[in-house]
Structure formats: structure tokens, C-alpha cells
Amino acid sequence: MIDDQLARAHRNNIQRYRHLLQTSLTEFERQFVERRLNEERSKLEMLVSSLSNEVHRDQSGGPDSHLSQIA
């Protein structure tokens, strides 16, 4: 659940930064927003990748697969 909230927050931030890039910005502001956009994309990619790895590990009977049986 927390992971879903984090992913949603990152997607919302990405959308917000994309919208800002469509407005009139100084070069300094544009660079800042682009940097933040790239950071948010990177964080979202890492989160999605880690979630995908957890699901794969659980399905393959990895070391944490017993946790899904407890929950």
C-alpha cells in the first residue's frame, strides 16, 4: 500500500513538472524543473523495478516467498 502511494506521488510529480515545462520559464527555472523531472522518473523506475523483483522473487519461491503466505 505504501508502495502504491509512493508510485502515485511520483507520477503526480512527473505530471506536475511536465505541465510546468509547458509554461514560460527562465532558463534557470527550466533546468531546475527538468532536473527534478528526471529525478522523479528515476525514483519511479527504481520503485517499479524493486516491486517487480519482489513479485518475481515471491512467485519463484525466493527467500521472501514465505512472507506472502503470512499476510
Protein backbone atom coordinates (compact mmCIF):
# COMPACT_ATOMS: atom_id res chain seq x y z
CA MET A 1 0.00 0.00 0.00
CA ILE A 2 2.80 2.40 0.84
CA ASP A 3 4.48 1.49 -2.45
CA ASP A 4 1.29 2.37 -4.32
CA GLN A 5 1.17 5.73 -2.57
CA LEU A 6 4.82 6.40 -3.40
CA ALA A 7 4.28 5.48 -7.05
CA ARG A 8 1.22 7.73 -7.21
CA ALA A 9 3.16 10.61 -5.65
CA HIS A 10 5.99 10.19 -8.17
CA ARG A 11 3.51 10.06 -11.09
CA ASN A 12 1.75 13.17 -9.82
CA ASN A 13 5.08 15.00 -9.52
CA ILE A 14 6.06 13.92 -13.02
CA GLN A 15 2.77 15.23 -14.37
CA ARG A 16 3.21 18.50 -12.47
CA TYR A 17 6.75 19.02 -13.82
CA ARG A 18 5.66 18.22 -17.39
CA HIS A 19 2.94 20.82 -17.07
CA LEU A 20 5.41 23.38 -15.72
CA LEU A 21 7.70 22.80 -18.70
CA GLN A 22 4.86 23.91 -20.96
CA THR A 23 4.76 27.31 -19.27
CA SER A 24 7.01 30.32 -19.63
CA LEU A 25 10.11 29.71 -17.51
CA THR A 26 13.52 31.27 -17.24
CA GLU A 27 16.41 29.07 -18.33
CA PHE A 28 17.37 28.57 -14.68
CA GLU A 29 13.82 27.51 -13.76
CA ARG A 30 13.60 25.20 -16.78
CA GLN A 31 16.86 23.49 -15.83
CA PHE A 32 15.64 23.03 -12.27
CA VAL A 33 12.30 21.56 -13.36
CA GLU A 34 13.97 19.26 -15.90
CA ARG A 35 16.37 18.03 -13.23
CA ARG A 36 13.51 17.37 -10.81
CA LEU A 37 11.53 15.63 -13.57
CA ASN A 38 14.47 13.32 -14.28
CA GLU A 39 14.87 12.60 -10.56
CA GLU A 40 11.19 11.71 -10.21
CA ARG A 41 11.32 9.45 -13.28
CA SER A 42 14.39 7.71 -11.90
CA LYS A 43 12.79 7.19 -8.49
CA LEU A 44 9.63 5.81 -10.08
CA GLU A 45 11.66 3.44 -12.27
CA MET A 46 13.59 2.18 -9.23
CA LEU A 47 10.35 1.67 -7.29
CA VAL A 48 8.69 -0.20 -10.15
CA SER A 49 11.79 -2.32 -10.65
CA SER A 50 12.01 -3.23 -6.97
CA LEU A 51 8.31 -4.13 -6.88
CA SER A 52 8.72 -6.24 -10.00
CA ASN A 53 11.69 -8.03 -8.43
CA GLU A 54 9.70 -8.72 -5.26
CA VAL A 55 6.80 -10.19 -7.22
CA HIS A 56 9.16 -12.32 -9.29
CA ARG A 57 11.00 -13.50 -6.17
CA ASP A 58 7.71 -14.39 -4.45
CA GLN A 59 6.48 -16.32 -7.49
CA SER A 60 9.74 -18.22 -7.88
CA GLY A 61 9.90 -19.28 -4.24
CA GLY A 62 12.74 -16.95 -3.32
CA PRO A 63 13.89 -16.26 0.22
CA ASP A 64 10.97 -13.90 0.94
CA SER A 65 8.25 -16.05 -0.65
CA HIS A 66 7.07 -17.25 2.75
CA LEU A 67 6.08 -13.67 3.62
CA SER A 68 3.23 -13.70 1.11
CA GLN A 69 1.79 -16.74 2.90
CA ILE A 70 1.85 -14.92 6.25
CA ALA A 71 -0.02 -11.82 5.05
